[in-house]
Amino acid sequence: MSVNLPTWLSELVASDYFIGAASLLFLLILAKIFFKKRWIAVSRSKFGKIRMSRRALYAIVYGVTGNVEGIANRRVKLEIKRGKIYINIHIKLDICRNISSLSEDVQMRLNEILAKSLGLDNVGKINVVIAGFSRESCYSNEFLAENCCEPKTEQSADEAG
């Protein structure tokens, strides 16, 4: 009952089961590399590294920008280059508001939360891109009116009549 090892190996390699198992193993290794969780280094201490997941950082950015008046929709894109975190926020406006003050408000709030409250010292630029307006505001007649961005004053008693 002696088995010729080279013939047995050549038959094994040529079998459909071996090819299927090898390709499945290759796909699992590829998926592990592709879906690797990307961590963001926050800081180091003498005890070890402190890291944060991208998902946690996205949650913070979405939470902070959700509290800003005038933002209808937002999309966040994070980039990490040389250890610095660069944040790009694409915003759709809900109401007519001064764009520079809105974007400065978003940048200041994010910087305050990330750098001061959480202690992230590797925050780079926070870019705000106004991507458009929400559908509801575009279909509104008041939104496209000539004086929609001016503050509305209360009607006087004479005008209310």
Protein backbone atom coordinates (compact mmCIF):
# COMPACT_ATOMS: atom_id res chain seq x y z
CA MET A 1 0.00 0.00 0.00
CA SER A 2 2.73 2.40 -0.85
CA VAL A 3 1.64 5.75 -2.19
CA ASN A 4 3.74 7.58 -4.69
CA LEU A 5 3.97 11.03 -3.12
CA PRO A 6 4.68 13.12 -6.27
CA THR A 7 1.71 11.60 -8.13
CA TRP A 8 -0.58 12.05 -5.15
CA LEU A 9 0.45 15.74 -4.80
CA SER A 10 -0.01 16.40 -8.52
CA GLU A 11 -3.49 14.85 -8.37
CA LEU A 12 -4.34 16.90 -5.29
CA VAL A 13 -3.23 20.16 -6.87
CA ALA A 14 -5.21 19.38 -10.03
CA SER A 15 -8.40 18.57 -8.13
CA ASP A 16 -11.28 21.05 -8.03
CA TYR A 17 -11.44 20.95 -4.22
CA PHE A 18 -7.86 22.15 -3.85
CA ILE A 19 -8.32 24.96 -6.37
CA GLY A 20 -11.52 26.07 -4.62
CA ALA A 21 -9.91 25.97 -1.18
CA ALA A 22 -6.85 27.90 -2.38
CA SER A 23 -8.97 30.60 -4.03
CA LEU A 24 -11.16 30.89 -0.93
CA LEU A 25 -8.07 31.33 1.24
CA PHE A 26 -6.75 33.96 -1.16
CA LEU A 27 -10.07 35.86 -1.04
CA LEU A 28 -10.12 35.76 2.77
CA ILE A 29 -6.60 37.18 2.95
CA LEU A 30 -7.53 39.88 0.43
CA ALA A 31 -10.70 40.75 2.40
CA LYS A 32 -8.69 40.99 5.62
CA ILE A 33 -6.33 43.47 4.00
CA PHE A 34 -9.11 45.44 2.30
CA PHE A 35 -11.44 45.68 5.31
CA LYS A 36 -8.69 46.33 7.81
CA LYS A 37 -9.91 48.72 10.47
CA ARG A 38 -8.09 51.99 10.17
CA TRP A 39 -7.20 53.52 13.49
CA ILE A 40 -6.30 57.13 14.08
CA ALA A 41 -3.43 57.77 16.44
CA VAL A 42 -4.51 60.22 19.10
CA SER A 43 -1.44 60.34 21.31
CA ARG A 44 1.15 58.23 23.08
CA SER A 45 1.91 57.81 26.71
CA LYS A 46 4.50 55.83 28.60
CA PHE A 47 1.93 53.03 28.94
CA GLY A 48 1.15 52.72 25.22
CA LYS A 49 -0.71 54.22 22.28
CA ILE A 50 -4.10 55.87 22.37
CA ARG A 51 -6.07 55.35 19.16
CA MET A 52 -9.54 56.13 17.88
CA SER A 53 -11.52 54.46 15.12
CA ARG A 54 -12.64 56.35 12.04
CA ARG A 55 -16.23 55.49 12.87
CA ALA A 56 -15.94 57.31 16.22
CA LEU A 57 -14.47 60.37 14.52
CA TYR A 58 -17.24 60.35 11.90
CA ALA A 59 -19.82 60.18 14.70
CA ILE A 60 -18.27 63.21 16.39
CA VAL A 61 -18.18 65.25 13.18
CA TYR A 62 -21.76 64.35 12.27
CA GLY A 63 -22.93 65.14 15.80
CA VAL A 64 -21.27 68.55 15.86
CA THR A 65 -22.44 69.58 12.40
CA GLY A 66 -25.96 68.35 13.12
CA ASN A 67 -26.40 71.07 15.73
CA VAL A 68 -25.58 73.95 13.38
CA GLU A 69 -28.63 75.90 12.22
CA GLY A 70 -29.03 76.05 8.46
CA ILE A 71 -27.42 72.74 7.51
CA ALA A 72 -29.86 70.37 5.83
CA ASN A 73 -27.49 67.61 4.78
CA ARG A 74 -23.78 66.90 5.12
CA ARG A 75 -21.22 64.43 3.86
CA VAL A 76 -17.90 64.01 5.63
CA LYS A 77 -14.65 62.77 4.15
CA LEU A 78 -11.62 62.10 6.35
CA GLU A 79 -8.07 61.89 5.09
CA ILE A 80 -5.07 60.97 7.15
CA LYS A 81 -1.75 62.11 5.76
CA ARG A 82 1.50 61.87 7.69
CA GLY A 83 -0.37 61.49 10.95
CA LYS A 84 -2.56 64.57 10.47
CA ILE A 85 -6.35 64.39 10.15
CA TYR A 86 -7.84 66.45 7.33
CA ILE A 87 -11.62 66.85 7.37
CA ASN A 88 -13.67 67.79 4.30
CA ILE A 89 -17.34 68.53 4.95
CA HIS A 90 -19.74 68.92 2.02
CA ILE A 91 -22.84 70.79 3.18
CA LYS A 92 -26.26 71.40 1.69
CA LEU A 93 -27.91 74.49 3.13
CA ASP A 94 -31.46 74.53 4.38
CA ILE A 95 -31.98 78.25 4.78
CA CYS A 96 -30.34 81.31 3.36
CA ARG A 97 -27.43 82.16 5.64
CA ASN A 98 -24.10 83.91 5.34
CA ILE A 99 -21.81 81.21 3.94
CA SER A 100 -18.59 82.49 5.47
CA SER A 101 -20.09 82.77 8.97
CA LEU A 102 -21.68 79.31 8.64
CA SER A 103 -18.45 77.65 7.54
CA GLU A 104 -16.46 79.51 10.19
CA ASP A 105 -19.00 78.38 12.79
CA VAL A 106 -18.62 74.74 11.70
CA GLN A 107 -14.82 74.99 11.68
CA MET A 108 -14.67 76.62 15.11
CA ARG A 109 -17.06 74.10 16.67
CA LEU A 110 -15.15 71.13 15.24
CA ASN A 111 -11.80 72.55 16.26
CA GLU A 112 -13.07 73.25 19.77
CA ILE A 113 -14.46 69.73 20.20
CA LEU A 114 -11.60 67.84 18.56
CA ALA A 115 -8.59 69.84 19.68
CA LYS A 116 -9.65 71.33 22.99
CA SER A 117 -12.22 68.95 24.45
CA LEU A 118 -10.86 65.64 23.14
CA GLY A 119 -7.21 66.69 23.05
CA LEU A 120 -6.48 65.64 19.46
CA ASP A 121 -3.26 67.43 18.59
CA ASN A 122 -3.06 66.09 15.04
CA VAL A 123 -6.06 67.87 13.50
CA GLY A 124 -5.07 69.47 10.18
CA LYS A 125 -7.34 71.58 8.03
CA ILE A 126 -11.11 71.52 8.30
CA ASN A 127 -12.49 72.36 4.87
CA VAL A 128 -16.14 73.26 4.37
CA VAL A 129 -17.65 72.98 0.89
CA ILE A 130 -21.12 74.35 0.19
CA ALA A 131 -22.45 71.67 -2.15
CA GLY A 132 -25.88 73.18 -2.72
CA PHE A 133 -29.26 73.73 -1.16
CA SER A 134 -31.87 71.31 0.08
CA ARG A 135 -34.77 70.52 -2.23
CA GLU A 136 -37.33 72.07 0.09
CA SER A 137 -35.52 75.40 0.17
CA CYS A 138 -34.98 75.47 -3.62
CA TYR A 139 -38.70 75.02 -4.28
CA SER A 140 -39.65 77.70 -1.81
CA ASN A 141 -40.59 81.05 -3.37
CA GLU A 142 -39.22 82.95 -0.41
CA PHE A 143 -35.83 81.32 -0.69
CA LEU A 144 -35.23 82.61 -4.19
CA ALA A 145 -36.71 86.03 -3.46
CA GLU A 146 -34.42 89.00 -3.79
CA ASN A 147 -34.40 89.83 -0.09
CA CYS A 148 -34.49 86.35 1.40
CA CYS A 149 -31.18 86.74 3.18
CA GLU A 150 -32.06 90.01 4.82
CA PRO A 151 -33.44 89.77 8.34
CA LYS A 152 -37.20 90.09 8.36
CA THR A 153 -38.58 92.87 10.52
CA GLU A 154 -41.85 92.66 12.32
CA GLN A 155 -44.73 94.47 10.70
CA SER A 156 -45.71 97.66 12.35
CA ALA A 157 -49.22 98.15 13.66
CA ASP A 158 -50.07 100.39 10.69
CA GLU A 159 -49.07 97.76 8.11
CA ALA A 160 -50.85 94.94 9.93
CA GLY A 161 -53.87 97.05 9.77
